[in-house]
PDB file of N, CA and C in Angstrom:
ATOM      1  N   MET A   1      94.694  87.378  53.612  1.00  0.00           N
ATOM      2  CA  MET A   1      93.612  88.663  53.238  1.00  0.00           C
ATOM      3  C   MET A   1      92.909  88.168  55.030  1.00  0.00           C
ATOM      4  N   LEU A   2      93.272  87.214  56.440  1.00  0.00           N
ATOM      5  CA  LEU A   2      92.801  87.677  57.156  1.00  0.00           C
ATOM      6  C   LEU A   2      93.672  87.550  58.023  1.00  0.00           C
ATOM      7  N   SER A   3      94.731  87.389  58.087  1.00  0.00           N
ATOM      8  CA  SER A   3      96.056  87.842  58.267  1.00  0.00           C
ATOM      9  C   SER A   3      96.489  90.087  58.580  1.00  0.00           C
ATOM     10  N   PHE A   4      95.352  89.908  57.705  1.00  0.00           N
ATOM     11  CA  PHE A   4      94.971  92.085  56.925  1.00  0.00           C
ATOM     12  C   PHE A   4      93.499  92.277  58.613  1.00  0.00           C
ATOM     13  N   PHE A   5      92.789  91.337  58.377  1.00  0.00           N
ATOM     14  CA  PHE A   5      91.655  92.233  59.581  1.00  0.00           C
ATOM     15  C   PHE A   5      92.515  91.657  61.186  1.00  0.00           C
ATOM     16  N   PHE A   6      92.977  90.851  60.968  1.00  0.00           N
ATOM     17  CA  PHE A   6      93.499  90.414  62.545  1.00  0.00           C
ATOM     18  C   PHE A   6      94.746  91.745  62.938  1.00  0.00           C
ATOM     19  N   GLY A   7      94.849  91.421  62.562  1.00  0.00           N
ATOM     20  CA  GLY A   7      96.227  92.551  61.989  1.00  0.00           C
ATOM     21  C   GLY A   7      95.637  94.000  62.821  1.00  0.00           C
ATOM     22  N   CYS A   8      94.314  94.454  61.300  1.00  0.00           N
ATOM     23  CA  CYS A   8      93.614  95.535  61.532  1.00  0.00           C
ATOM     24  C   CYS A   8      93.391  96.342  62.755  1.00  0.00           C
ATOM     25  N   ALA A   9      92.440  94.990  63.595  1.00  0.00           N
ATOM     26  CA  ALA A   9      91.844  94.865  64.833  1.00  0.00           C
ATOM     27  C   ALA A   9      92.607  95.310  65.751  1.00  0.00           C
ATOM     28  N   THR A  10      94.401  94.461  65.847  1.00  0.00           N
ATOM     29  CA  THR A  10      94.606  94.626  66.606  1.00  0.00           C
ATOM     30  C   THR A  10      95.038  95.868  66.952  1.00  0.00           C
ATOM     31  N   LYS A  11      95.218  96.899  66.150  1.00  0.00           N
ATOM     32  CA  LYS A  11      95.610  98.651  66.072  1.00  0.00           C
ATOM     33  C   LYS A  11      95.017  99.414  67.067  1.00  0.00           C
ATOM     34  N   ALA A  12      94.583  99.333  67.884  1.00  0.00           N
ATOM     35  CA  ALA A  12      93.446 100.296  68.947  1.00  0.00           C
ATOM     36  C   ALA A  12      93.761 101.704  68.931  1.00  0.00           C
ATOM     37  N   LYS A  13      93.623 102.322  68.347  1.00  0.00           N
ATOM     38  CA  LYS A  13      93.984 103.754  68.216  1.00  0.00           C
ATOM     39  C   LYS A  13      93.016 104.312  69.233  1.00  0.00           C
ATOM     40  N   PRO A  14      94.379 105.302  69.580  1.00  0.00           N
ATOM     41  CA  PRO A  14      94.131 106.394  71.115  1.00  0.00           C
ATOM     42  C   PRO A  14      92.899 106.314  70.526  1.00  0.00           C
ATOM     43  N   ASP A  15      91.956 106.714  72.411  1.00  0.00           N
ATOM     44  CA  ASP A  15      90.719 107.389  72.560  1.00  0.00           C
ATOM     45  C   ASP A  15      90.606 108.812  73.414  1.00  0.00           C
ATOM     46  N   PRO A  16      90.218 109.750  72.126  1.00  0.00           N
ATOM     47  CA  PRO A  16      90.811 111.510  72.772  1.00  0.00           C
ATOM     48  C   PRO A  16      90.257 111.799  74.219  1.00  0.00           C
ATOM     49  N   ILE A  17      89.399 110.993  74.399  1.00  0.00           N
ATOM     50  CA  ILE A  17      87.933 111.345  75.628  1.00  0.00           C
ATOM     51  C   ILE A  17      89.029 110.524  76.979  1.00  0.00           C
ATOM     52  N   LYS A  18      89.097 109.462  76.753  1.00  0.00           N
ATOM     53  CA  LYS A  18      90.279 108.531  78.187  1.00  0.00           C
ATOM     54  C   LYS A  18      91.211 109.114  78.403  1.00  0.00           C
ATOM     55  N   TYR A  19      91.940 108.993  76.739  1.00  0.00           N
ATOM     56  CA  TYR A  19      93.492 110.773  76.879  1.00  0.00           C
ATOM     57  C   TYR A  19      92.736 111.733  78.227  1.00  0.00           C
ATOM     58  N   GLY A  20      91.648 112.450  77.323  1.00  0.00           N
ATOM     59  CA  GLY A  20      91.837 113.948  78.844  1.00  0.00           C
ATOM     60  C   GLY A  20      91.724 113.181  80.115  1.00  0.00           C
ATOM     61  N   ASN A  21      91.001 111.948  80.158  1.00  0.00           N
ATOM     62  CA  ASN A  21      90.298 111.880  81.718  1.00  0.00           C
ATOM     63  C   ASN A  21      91.643 111.532  82.363  1.00  0.00           C
ATOM     64  N   GLU A  22      92.896 110.715  81.014  1.00  0.00           N
ATOM     65  CA  GLU A  22      93.596 109.963  82.582  1.00  0.00           C
ATOM     66  C   GLU A  22      94.779 111.323  82.908  1.00  0.00           C
ATOM     67  N   LEU A  23      94.677 112.408  81.213  1.00  0.00           N
ATOM     68  CA  LEU A  23      95.463 113.344  82.062  1.00  0.00           C
ATOM     69  C   LEU A  23      94.952 113.940  83.094  1.00  0.00           C
ATOM     70  N   MET A  24      94.125 114.241  82.968  1.00  0.00           N
ATOM     71  CA  MET A  24      92.437 115.050  83.909  1.00  0.00           C
ATOM     72  C   MET A  24      93.259 115.024  85.476  1.00  0.00           C
ATOM     73  N   ALA A  25      92.201 113.434  85.381  1.00  0.00           N
ATOM     74  CA  ALA A  25      92.496 112.655  86.455  1.00  0.00           C
ATOM     75  C   ALA A  25      94.203 113.190  87.365  1.00  0.00           C
ATOM     76  N   THR A  26      94.784 112.441  86.906  1.00  0.00           N
ATOM     77  CA  THR A  26      96.202 112.875  86.970  1.00  0.00           C
ATOM     78  C   THR A  26      97.245 114.747  87.609  1.00  0.00           C
ATOM     79  N   LEU A  27      96.499 115.234  86.868  1.00  0.00           N
ATOM     80  CA  LEU A  27      96.023 116.558  87.879  1.00  0.00           C
ATOM     81  C   LEU A  27      95.177 116.844  88.626  1.00  0.00           C
ATOM     82  N   ASN A  28      94.479 116.173  88.239  1.00  0.00           N
ATOM     83  CA  ASN A  28      93.854 116.582  89.729  1.00  0.00           C
ATOM     84  C   ASN A  28      93.710 115.957  90.972  1.00  0.00           C
ATOM     85  N   GLY A  29      94.179 114.521  91.304  1.00  0.00           N
ATOM     86  CA  GLY A  29      94.977 114.260  92.295  1.00  0.00           C
ATOM     87  C   GLY A  29      96.695 114.872  92.506  1.00  0.00           C
ATOM     88  N   ASN A  30      97.041 115.481  91.902  1.00  0.00           N
ATOM     89  CA  ASN A  30      98.042 116.481  92.771  1.00  0.00           C
ATOM     90  C   ASN A  30      96.917 117.621  93.275  1.00  0.00           C
ATOM     91  N   GLY A  31      96.428 117.768  93.158  1.00  0.00           N
ATOM     92  CA  GLY A  31      95.596 118.481  93.183  1.00  0.00           C
ATOM     93  C   GLY A  31      95.336 119.145  94.420  1.00  0.00           C
ATOM     94  N   LEU A  32      94.370 117.625  94.710  1.00  0.00           N
ATOM     95  CA  LEU A  32      94.059 117.385  96.107  1.00  0.00           C
ATOM     96  C   LEU A  32      94.643 117.073  97.279  1.00  0.00           C
ATOM     97  N   TYR A  33      97.023 117.225  97.129  1.00  0.00           N
ATOM     98  CA  TYR A  33      97.575 117.563  98.026  1.00  0.00           C
ATOM     99  C   TYR A  33      97.648 119.314  98.199  1.00  0.00           C
ATOM    100  N   ILE A  34      97.498 119.969  97.005  1.00  0.00           N
ATOM    101  CA  ILE A  34      96.769 120.861  97.457  1.00  0.00           C
ATOM    102  C   ILE A  34      96.479 121.995  98.210  1.00  0.00           C
ATOM    103  N   ASP A  35      95.052 121.204  98.575  1.00  0.00           N
ATOM    104  CA  ASP A  35      93.782 120.925  98.847  1.00  0.00           C
ATOM    105  C   ASP A  35      93.782 120.763 100.425  1.00  0.00           C
ATOM    106  N   ARG A  36      94.878 119.897 100.689  1.00  0.00           N
ATOM    107  CA  ARG A  36      95.032 119.275 102.318  1.00  0.00           C
ATOM    108  C   ARG A  36      96.239 120.586 102.460  1.00  0.00           C
ATOM    109  N   MET A  37      97.289 120.990 101.926  1.00  0.00           N
ATOM    110  CA  MET A  37      98.179 121.045 102.380  1.00  0.00           C
ATOM    111  C   MET A  37      97.268 122.801 103.422  1.00  0.00           C
ATOM    112  N   ASN A  38      96.919 123.081 102.193  1.00  0.00           N
ATOM    113  CA  ASN A  38      96.657 124.608 102.445  1.00  0.00           C
ATOM    114  C   ASN A  38      95.716 124.747 103.082  1.00  0.00           C
ATOM    115  N   GLU A  39      94.928 123.622 103.703  1.00  0.00           N
ATOM    116  CA  GLU A  39      93.377 123.038 104.492  1.00  0.00           C
ATOM    117  C   GLU A  39      94.919 122.881 106.327  1.00  0.00           C
ATOM    118  N   ALA A  40      95.739 122.437 106.080  1.00  0.00           N
ATOM    119  CA  ALA A  40      96.189 121.988 107.059  1.00  0.00           C
ATOM    120  C   ALA A  40      97.146 123.306 107.420  1.00  0.00           C
ATOM    121  N   LEU A  41      97.034 124.257 106.350  1.00  0.00           N
ATOM    122  CA  LEU A  41      98.147 125.092 107.580  1.00  0.00           C
ATOM    123  C   LEU A  41      97.342 126.859 107.371  1.00  0.00           C
ATOM    124  N   ALA A  42      95.845 126.606 106.953  1.00  0.00           N
ATOM    125  CA  ALA A  42      94.935 127.461 107.533  1.00  0.00           C
ATOM    126  C   ALA A  42      94.412 127.545 109.004  1.00  0.00           C
ATOM    127  N   VAL A  43      94.565 126.165 109.465  1.00  0.00           N
ATOM    128  CA  VAL A  43      94.631 125.789 111.346  1.00  0.00           C
ATOM    129  C   VAL A  43      96.118 125.743 111.558  1.00  0.00           C
ATOM    130  N   ARG A  44      96.434 126.812 111.524  1.00  0.00           N
ATOM    131  CA  ARG A  44      98.094 126.148 111.503  1.00  0.00           C
ATOM    132  C   ARG A  44      99.185 124.440 111.780  1.00  0.00           C
ATOM    133  N   ASN A  45      98.418 124.328 111.208  1.00  0.00           N
ATOM    134  CA  ASN A  45      99.475 122.307 111.101  1.00  0.00           C
ATOM    135  C   ASN A  45     100.355 122.148 110.535  1.00  0.00           C
ATOM    136  N   TYR A  46     100.958 122.988 110.823  1.00  0.00           N
ATOM    137  CA  TYR A  46     102.909 122.890 110.105  1.00  0.00           C
ATOM    138  C   TYR A  46     103.122 121.514 110.249  1.00  0.00           C
ATOM    139  N   ASP A  47     102.848 121.674 110.756  1.00  0.00           N
ATOM    140  CA  ASP A  47     103.612 119.477 111.229  1.00  0.00           C
ATOM    141  C   ASP A  47     103.210 119.136 110.146  1.00  0.00           C
ATOM    142  N   LYS A  48     101.047 118.880 110.426  1.00  0.00           N
ATOM    143  CA  LYS A  48     100.396 117.902 109.419  1.00  0.00           C
ATOM    144  C   LYS A  48     100.413 118.143 107.731  1.00  0.00           C
ATOM    145  N   ALA A  49     101.558 119.502 107.977  1.00  0.00           N
ATOM    146  CA  ALA A  49     101.107 119.928 105.747  1.00  0.00           C
ATOM    147  C   ALA A  49     102.916 119.596 104.827  1.00  0.00           C
ATOM    148  N   GLU A  50     103.573 119.903 106.120  1.00  0.00           N
ATOM    149  CA  GLU A  50     104.982 119.110 105.878  1.00  0.00           C
ATOM    150  C   GLU A  50     104.209 118.170 105.608  1.00  0.00           C
ATOM    151  N   ALA A  51     104.564 117.523 106.523  1.00  0.00           N
ATOM    152  CA  ALA A  51     103.776 116.328 105.998  1.00  0.00           C
ATOM    153  C   ALA A  51     103.237 115.467 104.469  1.00  0.00           C
ATOM    154  N   ILE A  52     101.547 116.591 104.298  1.00  0.00           N
ATOM    155  CA  ILE A  52     100.823 115.992 103.389  1.00  0.00           C
ATOM    156  C   ILE A  52     102.580 116.799 102.447  1.00  0.00           C
ATOM    157  N   SER A  53     102.989 117.147 102.462  1.00  0.00           N
ATOM    158  CA  SER A  53     104.299 117.895 100.985  1.00  0.00           C
ATOM    159  C   SER A  53     105.527 116.702 100.653  1.00  0.00           C
ATOM    160  N   ARG A  54     105.519 115.970 102.232  1.00  0.00           N
ATOM    161  CA  ARG A  54     106.470 115.644 101.874  1.00  0.00           C
ATOM    162  C   ARG A  54     105.941 114.115 101.271  1.00  0.00           C
ATOM    163  N   LYS A  55     104.510 113.881 101.194  1.00  0.00           N
ATOM    164  CA  LYS A  55     103.866 112.222 100.918  1.00  0.00           C
ATOM    165  C   LYS A  55     103.787 112.828  98.953  1.00  0.00           C
ATOM    166  N   TRP A  56     103.135 113.624  99.396  1.00  0.00           N
ATOM    167  CA  TRP A  56     103.251 114.437  98.005  1.00  0.00           C
ATOM    168  C   TRP A  56     104.694 114.669  96.732  1.00  0.00           C
ATOM    169  N   GLU A  57     104.929 115.107  97.376  1.00  0.00           N
ATOM    170  CA  GLU A  57     106.538 114.569  96.651  1.00  0.00           C
ATOM    171  C   GLU A  57     106.864 113.130  96.240  1.00  0.00           C
ATOM    172  N   GLU A  58     107.225 112.602  96.670  1.00  0.00           N
ATOM    173  CA  GLU A  58     106.586 110.740  96.827  1.00  0.00           C
ATOM    174  C   GLU A  58     106.198 111.398  95.899  1.00  0.00           C
ATOM    175  N   GLN A  59     104.867 110.919  95.321  1.00  0.00           N
ATOM    176  CA  GLN A  59     103.916 110.832  94.643  1.00  0.00           C
ATOM    177  C   GLN A  59     104.071 111.437  93.210  1.00  0.00           C
ATOM    178  N   LEU A  60     104.918 112.433  93.259  1.00  0.00           N
ATOM    179  CA  LEU A  60     105.746 113.277  92.104  1.00  0.00           C
ATOM    180  C   LEU A  60     105.630 111.890  90.807  1.00  0.00           C
ATOM    181  N   ASP A  61     106.810 111.117  91.261  1.00  0.00           N
ATOM    182  CA  ASP A  61     107.515 110.200  90.252  1.00  0.00           C
ATOM    183  C   ASP A  61     106.264 109.485  89.369  1.00  0.00           C
ATOM    184  N   SER A  62     105.312 109.401  90.553  1.00  0.00           N
ATOM    185  CA  SER A  62     104.396 108.303  90.156  1.00  0.00           C
ATOM    186  C   SER A  62     103.373 108.715  88.874  1.00  0.00           C
ATOM    187  N   SER A  63     103.233 110.004  89.557  1.00  0.00           N
ATOM    188  CA  SER A  63     102.509 110.717  88.729  1.00  0.00           C
ATOM    189  C   SER A  63     103.270 111.041  87.381  1.00  0.00           C
ATOM    190  N   LEU A  64     104.047 110.397  86.804  1.00  0.00           N
ATOM    191  CA  LEU A  64     104.824 111.391  86.378  1.00  0.00           C
ATOM    192  C   LEU A  64     105.241 110.432  85.291  1.00  0.00           C
ATOM    193  N   ALA A  65     105.626 108.750  85.704  1.00  0.00           N
ATOM    194  CA  ALA A  65     104.976 107.761  85.201  1.00  0.00           C
ATOM    195  C   ALA A  65     103.830 107.585  84.621  1.00  0.00           C
ATOM    196  N   ASP A  66     102.078 108.015  85.610  1.00  0.00           N
ATOM    197  CA  ASP A  66     101.638 107.854  84.735  1.00  0.00           C
ATOM    198  C   ASP A  66     101.458 108.576  83.216  1.00  0.00           C
ATOM    199  N   VAL A  67     101.308 109.626  83.079  1.00  0.00           N
ATOM    200  CA  VAL A  67     101.736 110.299  82.488  1.00  0.00           C
ATOM    201  C   VAL A  67     102.889 109.841  81.281  1.00  0.00           C
ATOM    202  N   ALA A  68     104.326 109.598  81.599  1.00  0.00           N
ATOM    203  CA  ALA A  68     103.849 109.015  80.446  1.00  0.00           C
ATOM    204  C   ALA A  68     104.446 107.784  78.953  1.00  0.00           C
ATOM    205  N   LYS A  69     102.906 106.582  80.424  1.00  0.00           N
ATOM    206  CA  LYS A  69     102.396 105.812  79.511  1.00  0.00           C
ATOM    207  C   LYS A  69     101.492 106.207  79.285  1.00  0.00           C
ATOM    208  N   ILE A  70     100.438 107.299  78.967  1.00  0.00           N
ATOM    209  CA  ILE A  70      99.479 107.571  78.313  1.00  0.00           C
ATOM    210  C   ILE A  70      99.967 108.072  76.737  1.00  0.00           C
ATOM    211  N   LEU A  71      99.338 107.091  75.989  1.00  0.00           N
ATOM    212  CA  LEU A  71      99.403 106.991  75.071  1.00  0.00           C
ATOM    213  C   LEU A  71      98.759 108.177  74.264  1.00  0.00           C
ATOM    214  N   PRO A  72      99.570 108.818  73.568  1.00  0.00           N
ATOM    215  CA  PRO A  72      99.635 110.170  72.654  1.00  0.00           C
ATOM    216  C   PRO A  72      98.644 110.075  71.677  1.00  0.00           C
ATOM    217  N   ILE A  73      97.949 111.247  71.796  1.00  0.00           N
ATOM    218  CA  ILE A  73      97.507 111.736  70.849  1.00  0.00           C
ATOM    219  C   ILE A  73      97.695 112.375  69.305  1.00  0.00           C
ATOM    220  N   GLU A  74      97.022 111.596  67.852  1.00  0.00           N
ATOM    221  CA  GLU A  74      98.091 112.015  67.214  1.00  0.00           C
ATOM    222  C   GLU A  74      97.804 113.193  66.826  1.00  0.00           C
ATOM    223  N   HIS A  75      98.738 114.692  66.159  1.00  0.00           N
ATOM    224  CA  HIS A  75      98.633 115.191  66.065  1.00  0.00           C
ATOM    225  C   HIS A  75      98.724 116.462  68.437  1.00  0.00           C
ATOM    226  N   GLU A  76      97.905 116.050  68.652  1.00  0.00           N
ATOM    227  CA  GLU A  76      97.765 116.685  70.082  1.00  0.00           C
ATOM    228  C   GLU A  76      98.732 116.056  71.171  1.00  0.00           C
ATOM    229  N   THR A  77     100.012 117.584  71.693  1.00  0.00           N
ATOM    230  CA  THR A  77     100.756 116.709  72.297  1.00  0.00           C
ATOM    231  C   THR A  77     100.478 118.122  73.667  1.00  0.00           C
ATOM    232  N   GLY A  78     100.056 119.139  73.524  1.00  0.00           N
ATOM    233  CA  GLY A  78      99.802 120.928  74.593  1.00  0.00           C
ATOM    234  C   GLY A  78      99.566 119.988  76.159  1.00  0.00           C
ATOM    235  N   LEU A  79      98.156 119.190  75.573  1.00  0.00           N
ATOM    236  CA  LEU A  79      97.762 118.908  77.564  1.00  0.00           C
ATOM    237  C   LEU A  79      99.039 118.089  77.466  1.00  0.00           C
ATOM    238  N   LYS A  80      99.408 117.252  77.132  1.00  0.00           N
ATOM    239  CA  LYS A  80     100.018 116.592  77.815  1.00  0.00           C
ATOM    240  C   LYS A  80     101.760 116.510  77.847  1.00  0.00           C
ATOM    241  N   ASN A  81     102.467 117.757  77.065  1.00  0.00           N
ATOM    242  CA  ASN A  81     103.206 118.246  77.936  1.00  0.00           C
ATOM    243  C   ASN A  81     103.269 119.387  78.710  1.00  0.00           C
ATOM    244  N   ALA A  82     101.752 119.262  78.798  1.00  0.00           N
ATOM    245  CA  ALA A  82     102.379 121.259  79.457  1.00  0.00           C
ATOM    246  C   ALA A  82     101.363 120.169  81.195  1.00  0.00           C
ATOM    247  N   VAL A  83     101.386 118.818  81.649  1.00  0.00           N
ATOM    248  CA  VAL A  83     100.563 118.311  82.488  1.00  0.00           C
ATOM    249  C   VAL A  83     102.459 117.470  83.152  1.00  0.00           C
ATOM    250  N   GLU A  84     102.997 116.759  81.683  1.00  0.00           N
ATOM    251  CA  GLU A  84     103.842 116.665  82.428  1.00  0.00           C
ATOM    252  C   GLU A  84     104.971 118.412  83.160  1.00  0.00           C
ATOM    253  N   LYS A  85     104.455 119.334  82.289  1.00  0.00           N
ATOM    254  CA  LYS A  85     105.504 120.824  83.143  1.00  0.00           C
ATOM    255  C   LYS A  85     105.266 120.494  84.307  1.00  0.00           C
ATOM    256  N   GLY A  86     104.240 120.847  84.322  1.00  0.00           N
ATOM    257  CA  GLY A  86     103.315 120.643  85.338  1.00  0.00           C
ATOM    258  C   GLY A  86     103.607 120.709  86.728  1.00  0.00           C
ATOM    259  N   LEU A  87     104.265 118.912  86.677  1.00  0.00           N
ATOM    260  CA  LEU A  87     104.088 118.048  87.781  1.00  0.00           C
ATOM    261  C   LEU A  87     105.766 118.292  88.394  1.00  0.00           C
ATOM    262  N   ARG A  88     106.618 118.524  86.866  1.00  0.00           N
ATOM    263  CA  ARG A  88     108.369 118.723  86.654  1.00  0.00           C
ATOM    264  C   ARG A  88     107.971 119.832  87.247  1.00  0.00           C
ATOM    265  N   ALA A  89     107.606 120.948  87.477  1.00  0.00           N
ATOM    266  CA  ALA A  89     107.928 122.257  88.310  1.00  0.00           C
ATOM    267  C   ALA A  89     107.670 122.007  89.227  1.00  0.00           C
ATOM    268  N   ILE A  90     106.182 121.211  89.962  1.00  0.00           N
ATOM    269  CA  ILE A  90     106.212 120.616  91.348  1.00  0.00           C
ATOM    270  C   ILE A  90     107.657 120.105  92.365  1.00  0.00           C
ATOM    271  N   SER A  91     108.029 119.521  90.964  1.00  0.00           N
ATOM    272  CA  SER A  91     108.626 118.346  91.465  1.00  0.00           C
ATOM    273  C   SER A  91     110.145 119.263  91.950  1.00  0.00           C
ATOM    274  N   ILE A  92     110.960 120.013  90.987  1.00  0.00           N
ATOM    275  CA  ILE A  92     112.128 121.570  91.176  1.00  0.00           C
ATOM    276  C   ILE A  92     111.722 121.526  92.371  1.00  0.00           C
ATOM    277  N   LEU A  93     110.350 122.736  91.981  1.00  0.00           N
ATOM    278  CA  LEU A  93     109.905 123.066  93.611  1.00  0.00           C
ATOM    279  C   LEU A  93     110.290 122.768  95.085  1.00  0.00           C
ATOM    280  N   PHE A  94     109.531 121.323  94.915  1.00  0.00           N
ATOM    281  CA  PHE A  94     109.728 120.680  95.971  1.00  0.00           C
ATOM    282  C   PHE A  94     111.366 120.414  96.776  1.00  0.00           C
ATOM    283  N   LYS A  95     112.042 119.710  96.077  1.00  0.00           N
ATOM    284  CA  LYS A  95     113.827 119.657  95.517  1.00  0.00           C
ATOM    285  C   LYS A  95     114.369 121.372  96.724  1.00  0.00           C
ATOM    286  N   LEU A  96     114.129 122.177  95.776  1.00  0.00           N
ATOM    287  CA  LEU A  96     114.555 123.399  96.160  1.00  0.00           C
ATOM    288  C   LEU A  96     114.288 123.621  97.568  1.00  0.00           C
ATOM    289  N   ILE A  97     112.943 122.623  97.938  1.00  0.00           N
ATOM    290  CA  ILE A  97     112.575 124.122  98.711  1.00  0.00           C
ATOM    291  C   ILE A  97     113.122 122.809 100.223  1.00  0.00           C
ATOM    292  N   ILE A  98     112.452 121.839 100.304  1.00  0.00           N
ATOM    293  CA  ILE A  98     112.563 121.191 101.454  1.00  0.00           C
ATOM    294  C   ILE A  98     113.671 120.286 101.199  1.00  0.00           C
ATOM    295  N   GLY A  99     114.723 119.772  99.824  1.00  0.00           N
ATOM    296  CA  GLY A  99     115.967 119.081  99.944  1.00  0.00           C
ATOM    297  C   GLY A  99     115.798 118.204  99.250  1.00  0.00           C
TER     298      GLY A  99
END
């Protein structure tokens, strides 16, 4: 009987608030690169904008790995899929534009 209670206690259900916060934090972290790139482009500092875009491109793999590690919430895949697809789309654009 004790093993039953211990087994139940070790199975934590994913927290929907933590789930959403982790996904949004990953997405917002990538949004900072957009802001930094736009700031550099606004003052025509193209070298800085390119450096930022290259750093961002490197960060995308880490961001995608972070999203993959986030435990899913039962019956909710929309947000996680949208974040993952958005990051993958950015990654594809980098490969097409930067090479």
